[in-house]
Every structure is written in structure tokens, then in C-alpha cells.
Amino acid sequence: MPPLNDGGLFMIASFLLLISAMCWWARSYHLAQQHKMGKHVAWAFAAAIWLFLVLGLFRPILMGSWSEMVPYGIFPHLDW
């Protein structure tokens, strides 16, 4: 893990964002199950989480550089 000022805080924020998105997915799935509704929205959200994992975790690991991670925000994302 890099030092905090050289990308470490970005990685911590990414990890916390992933945890919050997965908790939100679990909540939406359980609410749909509790109300006897279709779970298609929860699975669509799971697909978006999978894309987030591929672009933000798996791709940088396979390429060997954390700089390949997609930045957050509109303008940094366009520069990427």
C-alpha cells in the first residue's frame, strides 16, 4: 500500500465506497425479499458493483499499477 499522501487515502476511500455499495446492495435485496418483490433491481445494481470491482480493483492488479484505477469525479474520469 502506498503512503497516505501518495494514493493511500484514495485506496482507503475506494475500499470504504465498496463496503458501502455492497451494504446498500444487501439492503435492497433483503427489502425486495421481505416485500415479496422481484429482485431484478438488486441484481442490476450488483452488475454495477461488479463493473466497479473490475475497473477499480481487478484491472489495476492485473496490469501491475494502481495508477490504472479509474479516478472519481467527472473531469478526472474524462482525463483518464
PDB file of N, CA and C in Angstrom:
ATOM      1  N   MET A   1       0.850  -1.180   0.000  1.00  0.00           N
ATOM      2  CA  MET A   1       0.000   0.000   0.000  1.00  0.00           C
ATOM      3  C   MET A   1       0.893   1.239   0.000  1.00  0.00           C
ATOM      4  N   PRO A   2       0.546   2.218  -0.834  1.00  0.00           N
ATOM      5  CA  PRO A   2       1.365   3.428  -0.895  1.00  0.00           C
ATOM      6  C   PRO A   2       1.173   4.282   0.361  1.00  0.00           C
ATOM      7  N   PRO A   3       2.077   5.238   0.580  1.00  0.00           N
ATOM      8  CA  PRO A   3       1.888   6.173   1.696  1.00  0.00           C
ATOM      9  C   PRO A   3       0.569   6.924   1.545  1.00  0.00           C
ATOM     10  N   LEU A   4       0.056   7.417   2.659  1.00  0.00           N
ATOM     11  CA  LEU A   4      -1.271   8.039   2.645  1.00  0.00           C
ATOM     12  C   LEU A   4      -1.361   9.220   1.685  1.00  0.00           C
ATOM     13  N   ASN A   5      -0.339  10.052   1.632  1.00  0.00           N
ATOM     14  CA  ASN A   5      -0.398  11.229   0.760  1.00  0.00           C
ATOM     15  C   ASN A   5      -0.121  10.904  -0.701  1.00  0.00           C
ATOM     16  N   ASP A   6       0.341   9.696  -0.988  1.00  0.00           N
ATOM     17  CA  ASP A   6       0.655   9.310  -2.368  1.00  0.00           C
ATOM     18  C   ASP A   6      -0.299   8.257  -2.904  1.00  0.00           C
ATOM     19  N   GLY A   7      -1.554   8.311  -2.522  1.00  0.00           N
ATOM     20  CA  GLY A   7      -2.550   7.384  -3.042  1.00  0.00           C
ATOM     21  C   GLY A   7      -3.159   6.467  -2.009  1.00  0.00           C
ATOM     22  N   GLY A   8      -2.614   6.446  -0.809  1.00  0.00           N
ATOM     23  CA  GLY A   8      -3.157   5.582   0.238  1.00  0.00           C
ATOM     24  C   GLY A   8      -4.559   5.991   0.661  1.00  0.00           C
ATOM     25  N   LEU A   9      -4.784   7.296   0.771  1.00  0.00           N
ATOM     26  CA  LEU A   9      -6.125   7.769   1.140  1.00  0.00           C
ATOM     27  C   LEU A   9      -7.139   7.437   0.051  1.00  0.00           C
ATOM     28  N   PHE A  10      -6.708   7.488  -1.207  1.00  0.00           N
ATOM     29  CA  PHE A  10      -7.590   7.131  -2.318  1.00  0.00           C
ATOM     30  C   PHE A  10      -7.989   5.664  -2.229  1.00  0.00           C
ATOM     31  N   MET A  11      -7.036   4.803  -1.873  1.00  0.00           N
ATOM     32  CA  MET A  11      -7.340   3.379  -1.754  1.00  0.00           C
ATOM     33  C   MET A  11      -8.249   3.097  -0.562  1.00  0.00           C
ATOM     34  N   ILE A  12      -8.047   3.812   0.542  1.00  0.00           N
ATOM     35  CA  ILE A  12      -8.923   3.649   1.703  1.00  0.00           C
ATOM     36  C   ILE A  12     -10.331   4.109   1.356  1.00  0.00           C
ATOM     37  N   ALA A  13     -10.448   5.244   0.672  1.00  0.00           N
ATOM     38  CA  ALA A  13     -11.764   5.741   0.265  1.00  0.00           C
ATOM     39  C   ALA A  13     -12.437   4.768  -0.696  1.00  0.00           C
ATOM     40  N   SER A  14     -11.666   4.162  -1.591  1.00  0.00           N
ATOM     41  CA  SER A  14     -12.222   3.176  -2.524  1.00  0.00           C
ATOM     42  C   SER A  14     -12.738   1.955  -1.786  1.00  0.00           C
ATOM     43  N   PHE A  15     -11.995   1.500  -0.794  1.00  0.00           N
ATOM     44  CA  PHE A  15     -12.423   0.349  -0.005  1.00  0.00           C
ATOM     45  C   PHE A  15     -13.713   0.659   0.751  1.00  0.00           C
ATOM     46  N   LEU A  16     -13.789   1.834   1.369  1.00  0.00           N
ATOM     47  CA  LEU A  16     -14.997   2.211   2.106  1.00  0.00           C
ATOM     48  C   LEU A  16     -16.186   2.396   1.168  1.00  0.00           C
ATOM     49  N   LEU A  17     -15.944   2.916  -0.033  1.00  0.00           N
ATOM     50  CA  LEU A  17     -17.015   3.039  -1.021  1.00  0.00           C
ATOM     51  C   LEU A  17     -17.524   1.670  -1.434  1.00  0.00           C
ATOM     52  N   LEU A  18     -16.622   0.719  -1.616  1.00  0.00           N
ATOM     53  CA  LEU A  18     -17.015  -0.642  -1.974  1.00  0.00           C
ATOM     54  C   LEU A  18     -17.847  -1.281  -0.860  1.00  0.00           C
ATOM     55  N   ILE A  19     -17.426  -1.119   0.384  1.00  0.00           N
ATOM     56  CA  ILE A  19     -18.173  -1.679   1.515  1.00  0.00           C
ATOM     57  C   ILE A  19     -19.567  -1.062   1.586  1.00  0.00           C
ATOM     58  N   SER A  20     -19.666   0.255   1.410  1.00  0.00           N
ATOM     59  CA  SER A  20     -20.978   0.899   1.486  1.00  0.00           C
ATOM     60  C   SER A  20     -21.878   0.470   0.331  1.00  0.00           C
ATOM     61  N   ALA A  21     -21.318   0.306  -0.868  1.00  0.00           N
ATOM     62  CA  ALA A  21     -22.125  -0.142  -2.009  1.00  0.00           C
ATOM     63  C   ALA A  21     -22.621  -1.570  -1.802  1.00  0.00           C
ATOM     64  N   MET A  22     -21.783  -2.432  -1.240  1.00  0.00           N
ATOM     65  CA  MET A  22     -22.209  -3.813  -1.005  1.00  0.00           C
ATOM     66  C   MET A  22     -23.260  -3.887   0.104  1.00  0.00           C
ATOM     67  N   CYS A  23     -23.140  -3.040   1.122  1.00  0.00           N
ATOM     68  CA  CYS A  23     -24.178  -2.988   2.164  1.00  0.00           C
ATOM     69  C   CYS A  23     -25.493  -2.472   1.591  1.00  0.00           C
ATOM     70  N   TRP A  24     -25.405  -1.494   0.697  1.00  0.00           N
ATOM     71  CA  TRP A  24     -26.606  -0.968   0.065  1.00  0.00           C
ATOM     72  C   TRP A  24     -27.254  -2.039  -0.803  1.00  0.00           C
ATOM     73  N   TRP A  25     -26.441  -2.821  -1.526  1.00  0.00           N
ATOM     74  CA  TRP A  25     -26.975  -3.918  -2.328  1.00  0.00           C
ATOM     75  C   TRP A  25     -27.680  -4.943  -1.442  1.00  0.00           C
ATOM     76  N   ALA A  26     -27.056  -5.318  -0.327  1.00  0.00           N
ATOM     77  CA  ALA A  26     -27.664  -6.300   0.580  1.00  0.00           C
ATOM     78  C   ALA A  26     -28.985  -5.772   1.129  1.00  0.00           C
ATOM     79  N   ARG A  27     -29.030  -4.488   1.439  1.00  0.00           N
ATOM     80  CA  ARG A  27     -30.269  -3.893   1.950  1.00  0.00           C
ATOM     81  C   ARG A  27     -31.364  -3.926   0.893  1.00  0.00           C
ATOM     82  N   SER A  28     -31.031  -3.569  -0.346  1.00  0.00           N
ATOM     83  CA  SER A  28     -32.053  -3.577  -1.401  1.00  0.00           C
ATOM     84  C   SER A  28     -32.533  -4.996  -1.689  1.00  0.00           C
ATOM     85  N   TYR A  29     -31.624  -5.972  -1.641  1.00  0.00           N
ATOM     86  CA  TYR A  29     -32.011  -7.362  -1.876  1.00  0.00           C
ATOM     87  C   TYR A  29     -32.932  -7.863  -0.761  1.00  0.00           C
ATOM     88  N   HIS A  30     -32.572  -7.579   0.482  1.00  0.00           N
ATOM     89  CA  HIS A  30     -33.391  -8.051   1.604  1.00  0.00           C
ATOM     90  C   HIS A  30     -34.746  -7.351   1.662  1.00  0.00           C
ATOM     91  N   LEU A  31     -34.791  -6.074   1.299  1.00  0.00           N
ATOM     92  CA  LEU A  31     -36.081  -5.381   1.260  1.00  0.00           C
ATOM     93  C   LEU A  31     -36.976  -5.958   0.172  1.00  0.00           C
ATOM     94  N   ALA A  32     -36.406  -6.269  -0.986  1.00  0.00           N
ATOM     95  CA  ALA A  32     -37.201  -6.880  -2.054  1.00  0.00           C
ATOM     96  C   ALA A  32     -37.698  -8.257  -1.625  1.00  0.00           C
ATOM     97  N   GLN A  33     -36.862  -8.992  -0.938  1.00  0.00           N
ATOM     98  CA  GLN A  33     -37.252 -10.318  -0.454  1.00  0.00           C
ATOM     99  C   GLN A  33     -38.336 -10.206   0.620  1.00  0.00           C
ATOM    100  N   GLN A  34     -38.190  -9.239   1.499  1.00  0.00           N
ATOM    101  CA  GLN A  34     -39.153  -9.053   2.587  1.00  0.00           C
ATOM    102  C   GLN A  34     -40.528  -8.651   2.055  1.00  0.00           C
ATOM    103  N   HIS A  35     -40.553  -7.824   1.023  1.00  0.00           N
ATOM    104  CA  HIS A  35     -41.820  -7.353   0.465  1.00  0.00           C
ATOM    105  C   HIS A  35     -42.330  -8.240  -0.662  1.00  0.00           C
ATOM    106  N   LYS A  36     -41.665  -9.375  -0.891  1.00  0.00           N
ATOM    107  CA  LYS A  36     -42.052 -10.339  -1.926  1.00  0.00           C
ATOM    108  C   LYS A  36     -42.110  -9.682  -3.308  1.00  0.00           C
ATOM    109  N   MET A  37     -41.075  -8.892  -3.600  1.00  0.00           N
ATOM    110  CA  MET A  37     -40.960  -8.218  -4.888  1.00  0.00           C
ATOM    111  C   MET A  37     -39.872  -8.891  -5.716  1.00  0.00           C
ATOM    112  N   GLY A  38     -39.797  -8.518  -6.976  1.00  0.00           N
ATOM    113  CA  GLY A  38     -38.738  -9.033  -7.830  1.00  0.00           C
ATOM    114  C   GLY A  38     -37.378  -8.490  -7.406  1.00  0.00           C
ATOM    115  N   LYS A  39     -36.367  -9.289  -7.599  1.00  0.00           N
ATOM    116  CA  LYS A  39     -35.025  -8.900  -7.177  1.00  0.00           C
ATOM    117  C   LYS A  39     -34.176  -8.429  -8.357  1.00  0.00           C
ATOM    118  N   HIS A  40     -34.805  -8.102  -9.465  1.00  0.00           N
ATOM    119  CA  HIS A  40     -34.070  -7.717 -10.661  1.00  0.00           C
ATOM    120  C   HIS A  40     -33.317  -6.401 -10.474  1.00  0.00           C
ATOM    121  N   VAL A  41     -33.854  -5.477  -9.695  1.00  0.00           N
ATOM    122  CA  VAL A  41     -33.158  -4.210  -9.464  1.00  0.00           C
ATOM    123  C   VAL A  41     -31.892  -4.448  -8.641  1.00  0.00           C
ATOM    124  N   ALA A  42     -32.000  -5.332  -7.646  1.00  0.00           N
ATOM    125  CA  ALA A  42     -30.820  -5.647  -6.834  1.00  0.00           C
ATOM    126  C   ALA A  42     -29.739  -6.307  -7.684  1.00  0.00           C
ATOM    127  N   TRP A  43     -30.123  -7.184  -8.607  1.00  0.00           N
ATOM    128  CA  TRP A  43     -29.126  -7.840  -9.453  1.00  0.00           C
ATOM    129  C   TRP A  43     -28.536  -6.874 -10.473  1.00  0.00           C
ATOM    130  N   ALA A  44     -29.307  -5.912 -10.932  1.00  0.00           N
ATOM    131  CA  ALA A  44     -28.754  -4.889 -11.827  1.00  0.00           C
ATOM    132  C   ALA A  44     -27.739  -4.028 -11.078  1.00  0.00           C
ATOM    133  N   PHE A  45     -28.044  -3.719  -9.832  1.00  0.00           N
ATOM    134  CA  PHE A  45     -27.103  -2.964  -9.004  1.00  0.00           C
ATOM    135  C   PHE A  45     -25.847  -3.794  -8.733  1.00  0.00           C
ATOM    136  N   ALA A  46     -26.009  -5.109  -8.566  1.00  0.00           N
ATOM    137  CA  ALA A  46     -24.851  -5.992  -8.379  1.00  0.00           C
ATOM    138  C   ALA A  46     -23.958  -5.984  -9.620  1.00  0.00           C
ATOM    139  N   ALA A  47     -24.551  -5.866 -10.800  1.00  0.00           N
ATOM    140  CA  ALA A  47     -23.752  -5.775 -12.028  1.00  0.00           C
ATOM    141  C   ALA A  47     -22.932  -4.483 -12.043  1.00  0.00           C
ATOM    142  N   ALA A  48     -23.513  -3.390 -11.549  1.00  0.00           N
ATOM    143  CA  ALA A  48     -22.769  -2.131 -11.471  1.00  0.00           C
ATOM    144  C   ALA A  48     -21.630  -2.239 -10.455  1.00  0.00           C
ATOM    145  N   ILE A  49     -21.868  -2.934  -9.353  1.00  0.00           N
ATOM    146  CA  ILE A  49     -20.805  -3.152  -8.367  1.00  0.00           C
ATOM    147  C   ILE A  49     -19.699  -4.004  -8.982  1.00  0.00           C
ATOM    148  N   TRP A  50     -20.065  -5.001  -9.788  1.00  0.00           N
ATOM    149  CA  TRP A  50     -19.066  -5.835 -10.459  1.00  0.00           C
ATOM    150  C   TRP A  50     -18.200  -4.992 -11.398  1.00  0.00           C
ATOM    151  N   LEU A  51     -18.815  -4.076 -12.144  1.00  0.00           N
ATOM    152  CA  LEU A  51     -18.057  -3.188 -13.018  1.00  0.00           C
ATOM    153  C   LEU A  51     -17.101  -2.325 -12.203  1.00  0.00           C
ATOM    154  N   PHE A  52     -17.567  -1.825 -11.072  1.00  0.00           N
ATOM    155  CA  PHE A  52     -16.730  -1.033 -10.176  1.00  0.00           C
ATOM    156  C   PHE A  52     -15.531  -1.855  -9.693  1.00  0.00           C
ATOM    157  N   LEU A  53     -15.770  -3.128  -9.358  1.00  0.00           N
ATOM    158  CA  LEU A  53     -14.685  -4.005  -8.914  1.00  0.00           C
ATOM    159  C   LEU A  53     -13.686  -4.278 -10.036  1.00  0.00           C
ATOM    160  N   VAL A  54     -14.194  -4.516 -11.231  1.00  0.00           N
ATOM    161  CA  VAL A  54     -13.300  -4.819 -12.356  1.00  0.00           C
ATOM    162  C   VAL A  54     -12.419  -3.615 -12.679  1.00  0.00           C
ATOM    163  N   LEU A  55     -13.011  -2.428 -12.781  1.00  0.00           N
ATOM    164  CA  LEU A  55     -12.241  -1.244 -13.162  1.00  0.00           C
ATOM    165  C   LEU A  55     -11.377  -0.700 -12.033  1.00  0.00           C
ATOM    166  N   GLY A  56     -11.816  -0.900 -10.787  1.00  0.00           N
ATOM    167  CA  GLY A  56     -11.100  -0.294  -9.672  1.00  0.00           C
ATOM    168  C   GLY A  56     -10.218  -1.229  -8.884  1.00  0.00           C
ATOM    169  N   LEU A  57     -10.363  -2.552  -9.073  1.00  0.00           N
ATOM    170  CA  LEU A  57      -9.556  -3.483  -8.285  1.00  0.00           C
ATOM    171  C   LEU A  57      -8.861  -4.521  -9.159  1.00  0.00           C
ATOM    172  N   PHE A  58      -9.632  -5.276  -9.934  1.00  0.00           N
ATOM    173  CA  PHE A  58      -9.040  -6.378 -10.694  1.00  0.00           C
ATOM    174  C   PHE A  58      -8.116  -5.885 -11.809  1.00  0.00           C
ATOM    175  N   ARG A  59      -8.545  -4.870 -12.549  1.00  0.00           N
ATOM    176  CA  ARG A  59      -7.731  -4.360 -13.660  1.00  0.00           C
ATOM    177  C   ARG A  59      -6.397  -3.799 -13.177  1.00  0.00           C
ATOM    178  N   PRO A  60      -6.365  -2.948 -12.134  1.00  0.00           N
ATOM    179  CA  PRO A  60      -5.057  -2.467 -11.669  1.00  0.00           C
ATOM    180  C   PRO A  60      -4.152  -3.582 -11.150  1.00  0.00           C
ATOM    181  N   ILE A  61      -4.733  -4.596 -10.511  1.00  0.00           N
ATOM    182  CA  ILE A  61      -3.913  -5.702 -10.020  1.00  0.00           C
ATOM    183  C   ILE A  61      -3.316  -6.470 -11.196  1.00  0.00           C
ATOM    184  N   LEU A  62      -4.128  -6.754 -12.217  1.00  0.00           N
ATOM    185  CA  LEU A  62      -3.623  -7.500 -13.369  1.00  0.00           C
ATOM    186  C   LEU A  62      -2.613  -6.699 -14.192  1.00  0.00           C
ATOM    187  N   MET A  63      -2.779  -5.380 -14.242  1.00  0.00           N
ATOM    188  CA  MET A  63      -1.843  -4.554 -15.005  1.00  0.00           C
ATOM    189  C   MET A  63      -0.609  -4.196 -14.186  1.00  0.00           C
ATOM    190  N   GLY A  64      -0.666  -4.417 -12.879  1.00  0.00           N
ATOM    191  CA  GLY A  64       0.501  -4.190 -12.032  1.00  0.00           C
ATOM    192  C   GLY A  64       0.732  -2.760 -11.621  1.00  0.00           C
ATOM    193  N   SER A  65      -0.276  -1.900 -11.753  1.00  0.00           N
ATOM    194  CA  SER A  65      -0.100  -0.499 -11.389  1.00  0.00           C
ATOM    195  C   SER A  65      -1.421   0.062 -10.887  1.00  0.00           C
ATOM    196  N   TRP A  66      -1.389   0.662  -9.709  1.00  0.00           N
ATOM    197  CA  TRP A  66      -2.610   1.252  -9.164  1.00  0.00           C
ATOM    198  C   TRP A  66      -2.999   2.526  -9.903  1.00  0.00           C
ATOM    199  N   SER A  67      -2.108   3.060 -10.725  1.00  0.00           N
ATOM    200  CA  SER A  67      -2.460   4.256 -11.493  1.00  0.00           C
ATOM    201  C   SER A  67      -3.453   3.941 -12.609  1.00  0.00           C
ATOM    202  N   GLU A  68      -3.685   2.653 -12.889  1.00  0.00           N
ATOM    203  CA  GLU A  68      -4.677   2.253 -13.888  1.00  0.00           C
ATOM    204  C   GLU A  68      -6.096   2.283 -13.334  1.00  0.00           C
ATOM    205  N   MET A  69      -6.239   2.588 -12.052  1.00  0.00           N
ATOM    206  CA  MET A  69      -7.545   2.652 -11.406  1.00  0.00           C
ATOM    207  C   MET A  69      -8.319   3.864 -11.936  1.00  0.00           C
ATOM    208  N   VAL A  70      -9.603   3.713 -12.138  1.00  0.00           N
ATOM    209  CA  VAL A  70     -10.427   4.811 -12.643  1.00  0.00           C
ATOM    210  C   VAL A  70     -10.592   5.858 -11.546  1.00  0.00           C
ATOM    211  N   PRO A  71     -10.292   7.128 -11.826  1.00  0.00           N
ATOM    212  CA  PRO A  71     -10.460   8.166 -10.807  1.00  0.00           C
ATOM    213  C   PRO A  71     -11.935   8.498 -10.590  1.00  0.00           C
ATOM    214  N   TYR A  72     -12.226   9.108  -9.456  1.00  0.00           N
ATOM    215  CA  TYR A  72     -13.594   9.509  -9.130  1.00  0.00           C
ATOM    216  C   TYR A  72     -13.817  10.946  -9.562  1.00  0.00           C
ATOM    217  N   GLY A  73     -15.024  11.261  -9.964  1.00  0.00           N
ATOM    218  CA  GLY A  73     -15.357  12.605 -10.388  1.00  0.00           C
ATOM    219  C   GLY A  73     -15.522  12.680 -11.898  1.00  0.00           C
ATOM    220  N   ILE A  74     -16.192  13.721 -12.357  1.00  0.00           N
ATOM    221  CA  ILE A  74     -16.492  13.840 -13.780  1.00  0.00           C
ATOM    222  C   ILE A  74     -15.245  14.208 -14.574  1.00  0.00           C
ATOM    223  N   PHE A  75     -14.572  15.277 -14.206  1.00  0.00           N
ATOM    224  CA  PHE A  75     -13.442  15.741 -15.005  1.00  0.00           C
ATOM    225  C   PHE A  75     -12.217  14.830 -14.892  1.00  0.00           C
ATOM    226  N   PRO A  76     -11.847  14.332 -13.704  1.00  0.00           N
ATOM    227  CA  PRO A  76     -10.733  13.373 -13.676  1.00  0.00           C
ATOM    228  C   PRO A  76     -11.035  12.106 -14.472  1.00  0.00           C
ATOM    229  N   HIS A  77     -12.286  11.687 -14.475  1.00  0.00           N
ATOM    230  CA  HIS A  77     -12.659  10.496 -15.231  1.00  0.00           C
ATOM    231  C   HIS A  77     -12.497  10.739 -16.733  1.00  0.00           C
ATOM    232  N   LEU A  78     -12.828  11.943 -17.188  1.00  0.00           N
ATOM    233  CA  LEU A  78     -12.668  12.259 -18.606  1.00  0.00           C
ATOM    234  C   LEU A  78     -11.196  12.342 -18.992  1.00  0.00           C
ATOM    235  N   ASP A  79     -10.344  12.775 -18.073  1.00  0.00           N
ATOM    236  CA  ASP A  79      -8.911  12.834 -18.349  1.00  0.00           C
ATOM    237  C   ASP A  79      -8.277  11.455 -18.361  1.00  0.00           C
ATOM    238  N   TRP A  80      -8.896  10.491 -17.670  1.00  0.00           N
ATOM    239  CA  TRP A  80      -8.355   9.142 -17.582  1.00  0.00           C
ATOM    240  C   TRP A  80      -8.350   8.517 -18.943  1.00  0.00           C
TER     241      TRP A  80
END
